[in-house]
PDB file of N, CA and C in Angstrom:
ATOM      1  N   UNK A   1      -1.326  11.390 -19.514  1.00  0.00           N
ATOM      2  CA  UNK A   1      -2.775  11.381 -19.272  1.00  0.00           C
ATOM      3  C   UNK A   1      -1.926   9.638 -18.427  1.00  0.00           C
ATOM      4  N   UNK A   2      -1.011   8.956 -19.513  1.00  0.00           N
ATOM      5  CA  UNK A   2      -0.989   7.589 -18.595  1.00  0.00           C
ATOM      6  C   UNK A   2      -0.192   7.612 -17.500  1.00  0.00           C
ATOM      7  N   UNK A   3       0.626   8.417 -17.594  1.00  0.00           N
ATOM      8  CA  UNK A   3       1.626   8.552 -16.477  1.00  0.00           C
ATOM      9  C   UNK A   3       0.817   9.178 -14.858  1.00  0.00           C
ATOM     10  N   UNK A   4       0.240   9.623 -15.699  1.00  0.00           N
ATOM     11  CA  UNK A   4      -0.989  10.385 -14.467  1.00  0.00           C
ATOM     12  C   UNK A   4      -1.108   8.524 -13.740  1.00  0.00           C
ATOM     13  N   UNK A   5      -2.049   8.038 -14.548  1.00  0.00           N
ATOM     14  CA  UNK A   5      -2.353   6.966 -14.556  1.00  0.00           C
ATOM     15  C   UNK A   5      -1.670   5.951 -13.279  1.00  0.00           C
ATOM     16  N   UNK A   6      -0.722   5.982 -14.294  1.00  0.00           N
ATOM     17  CA  UNK A   6       0.267   4.438 -13.878  1.00  0.00           C
ATOM     18  C   UNK A   6       0.950   5.133 -11.960  1.00  0.00           C
ATOM     19  N   UNK A   7       1.175   6.225 -12.489  1.00  0.00           N
ATOM     20  CA  UNK A   7       1.687   6.974 -10.465  1.00  0.00           C
ATOM     21  C   UNK A   7       0.537   6.380  -9.785  1.00  0.00           C
ATOM     22  N   UNK A   8      -0.874   6.838 -10.405  1.00  0.00           N
ATOM     23  CA  UNK A   8      -1.892   6.712  -8.866  1.00  0.00           C
ATOM     24  C   UNK A   8      -1.586   5.532  -8.537  1.00  0.00           C
ATOM     25  N   UNK A   9      -1.655   4.856  -9.473  1.00  0.00           N
ATOM     26  CA  UNK A   9      -1.704   2.788  -9.515  1.00  0.00           C
ATOM     27  C   UNK A   9      -0.569   2.280  -8.298  1.00  0.00           C
ATOM     28  N   UNK A  10       0.630   2.586  -9.189  1.00  0.00           N
ATOM     29  CA  UNK A  10       1.840   2.780  -7.758  1.00  0.00           C
ATOM     30  C   UNK A  10       2.130   3.154  -6.715  1.00  0.00           C
ATOM     31  N   UNK A  11       0.999   4.788  -6.755  1.00  0.00           N
ATOM     32  CA  UNK A  11       0.407   5.176  -5.648  1.00  0.00           C
ATOM     33  C   UNK A  11      -0.141   3.828  -4.310  1.00  0.00           C
ATOM     34  N   UNK A  12      -1.567   3.857  -4.833  1.00  0.00           N
ATOM     35  CA  UNK A  12      -2.260   2.709  -4.321  1.00  0.00           C
ATOM     36  C   UNK A  12      -1.978   1.180  -4.179  1.00  0.00           C
ATOM     37  N   UNK A  13      -0.197   0.505  -4.743  1.00  0.00           N
ATOM     38  CA  UNK A  13      -0.386  -0.305  -4.503  1.00  0.00           C
ATOM     39  C   UNK A  13       0.368  -0.144  -3.085  1.00  0.00           C
ATOM     40  N   UNK A  14       2.094   0.834  -3.295  1.00  0.00           N
ATOM     41  CA  UNK A  14       2.444   1.151  -1.988  1.00  0.00           C
ATOM     42  C   UNK A  14       1.572   1.503  -1.130  1.00  0.00           C
ATOM     43  N   UNK A  15       0.795   2.450  -0.926  1.00  0.00           N
ATOM     44  CA  UNK A  15      -0.975   2.557   0.400  1.00  0.00           C
ATOM     45  C   UNK A  15      -1.011   0.643   1.112  1.00  0.00           C
ATOM     46  N   UNK A  16      -1.636  -0.042  -0.217  1.00  0.00           N
ATOM     47  CA  UNK A  16      -1.935  -1.318   0.710  1.00  0.00           C
ATOM     48  C   UNK A  16      -1.149  -1.962   0.666  1.00  0.00           C
ATOM     49  N   UNK A  17       0.197  -2.033   0.133  1.00  0.00           N
ATOM     50  CA  UNK A  17       1.708  -3.444   1.135  1.00  0.00           C
ATOM     51  C   UNK A  17       1.551  -2.399   2.412  1.00  0.00           C
ATOM     52  N   UNK A  18       2.155  -1.353   3.025  1.00  0.00           N
ATOM     53  CA  UNK A  18       2.037  -0.637   3.801  1.00  0.00           C
ATOM     54  C   UNK A  18       0.814  -1.243   5.553  1.00  0.00           C
ATOM     55  N   UNK A  19       0.148  -0.778   4.690  1.00  0.00           N
ATOM     56  CA  UNK A  19      -1.313  -1.679   5.510  1.00  0.00           C
ATOM     57  C   UNK A  19      -1.239  -2.671   5.424  1.00  0.00           C
ATOM     58  N   UNK A  20      -0.542  -3.588   5.373  1.00  0.00           N
ATOM     59  CA  UNK A  20      -0.635  -5.377   4.955  1.00  0.00           C
ATOM     60  C   UNK A  20       0.358  -5.407   6.034  1.00  0.00           C
ATOM     61  N   UNK A  21       1.598  -4.464   6.134  1.00  0.00           N
ATOM     62  CA  UNK A  21       2.356  -4.361   6.668  1.00  0.00           C
ATOM     63  C   UNK A  21       2.313  -3.944   8.596  1.00  0.00           C
ATOM     64  N   UNK A  22       1.474  -3.278   8.766  1.00  0.00           N
ATOM     65  CA  UNK A  22       0.967  -2.860   9.870  1.00  0.00           C
ATOM     66  C   UNK A  22       0.192  -3.916  10.077  1.00  0.00           C
ATOM     67  N   UNK A  23      -1.148  -4.263   9.743  1.00  0.00           N
ATOM     68  CA  UNK A  23      -1.675  -5.171  10.183  1.00  0.00           C
ATOM     69  C   UNK A  23      -0.746  -6.537  10.438  1.00  0.00           C
ATOM     70  N   UNK A  24       0.246  -6.967  10.073  1.00  0.00           N
ATOM     71  CA  UNK A  24       0.880  -7.793  10.269  1.00  0.00           C
ATOM     72  C   UNK A  24       1.240  -7.395  11.519  1.00  0.00           C
ATOM     73  N   UNK A  25       2.534  -6.191  11.887  1.00  0.00           N
ATOM     74  CA  UNK A  25       2.737  -6.241  13.146  1.00  0.00           C
ATOM     75  C   UNK A  25       1.975  -6.399  14.279  1.00  0.00           C
ATOM     76  N   UNK A  26       0.162  -5.635  13.788  1.00  0.00           N
ATOM     77  CA  UNK A  26      -0.530  -6.538  14.717  1.00  0.00           C
ATOM     78  C   UNK A  26      -0.615  -6.980  14.704  1.00  0.00           C
ATOM     79  N   UNK A  27      -0.530  -7.826  14.392  1.00  0.00           N
ATOM     80  CA  UNK A  27      -0.966  -8.800  14.975  1.00  0.00           C
ATOM     81  C   UNK A  27      -0.851  -9.840  15.722  1.00  0.00           C
ATOM     82  N   UNK A  28       1.081  -8.971  15.581  1.00  0.00           N
ATOM     83  CA  UNK A  28       2.019  -9.884  15.716  1.00  0.00           C
ATOM     84  C   UNK A  28       2.335  -9.260  17.019  1.00  0.00           C
ATOM     85  N   UNK A  29       1.095  -8.205  17.644  1.00  0.00           N
ATOM     86  CA  UNK A  29       2.177  -7.367  18.709  1.00  0.00           C
ATOM     87  C   UNK A  29       0.885  -8.522  18.969  1.00  0.00           C
ATOM     88  N   UNK A  30      -0.739  -8.298  18.710  1.00  0.00           N
ATOM     89  CA  UNK A  30      -1.776  -8.384  19.546  1.00  0.00           C
ATOM     90  C   UNK A  30      -1.442 -10.375  19.868  1.00  0.00           C
TER      91      UNK A  30
END
C-alpha cells in the first residue's frame, strides 16, 4: 500500500513539473 502511495505522489510531482515547463515555454514563445 505504501509503495502505491509513493508511486502516485511521484507521478503527480512529475506531471506538475512538466506542466510548469510547458507554461515557461509558452510564456517565452508568447
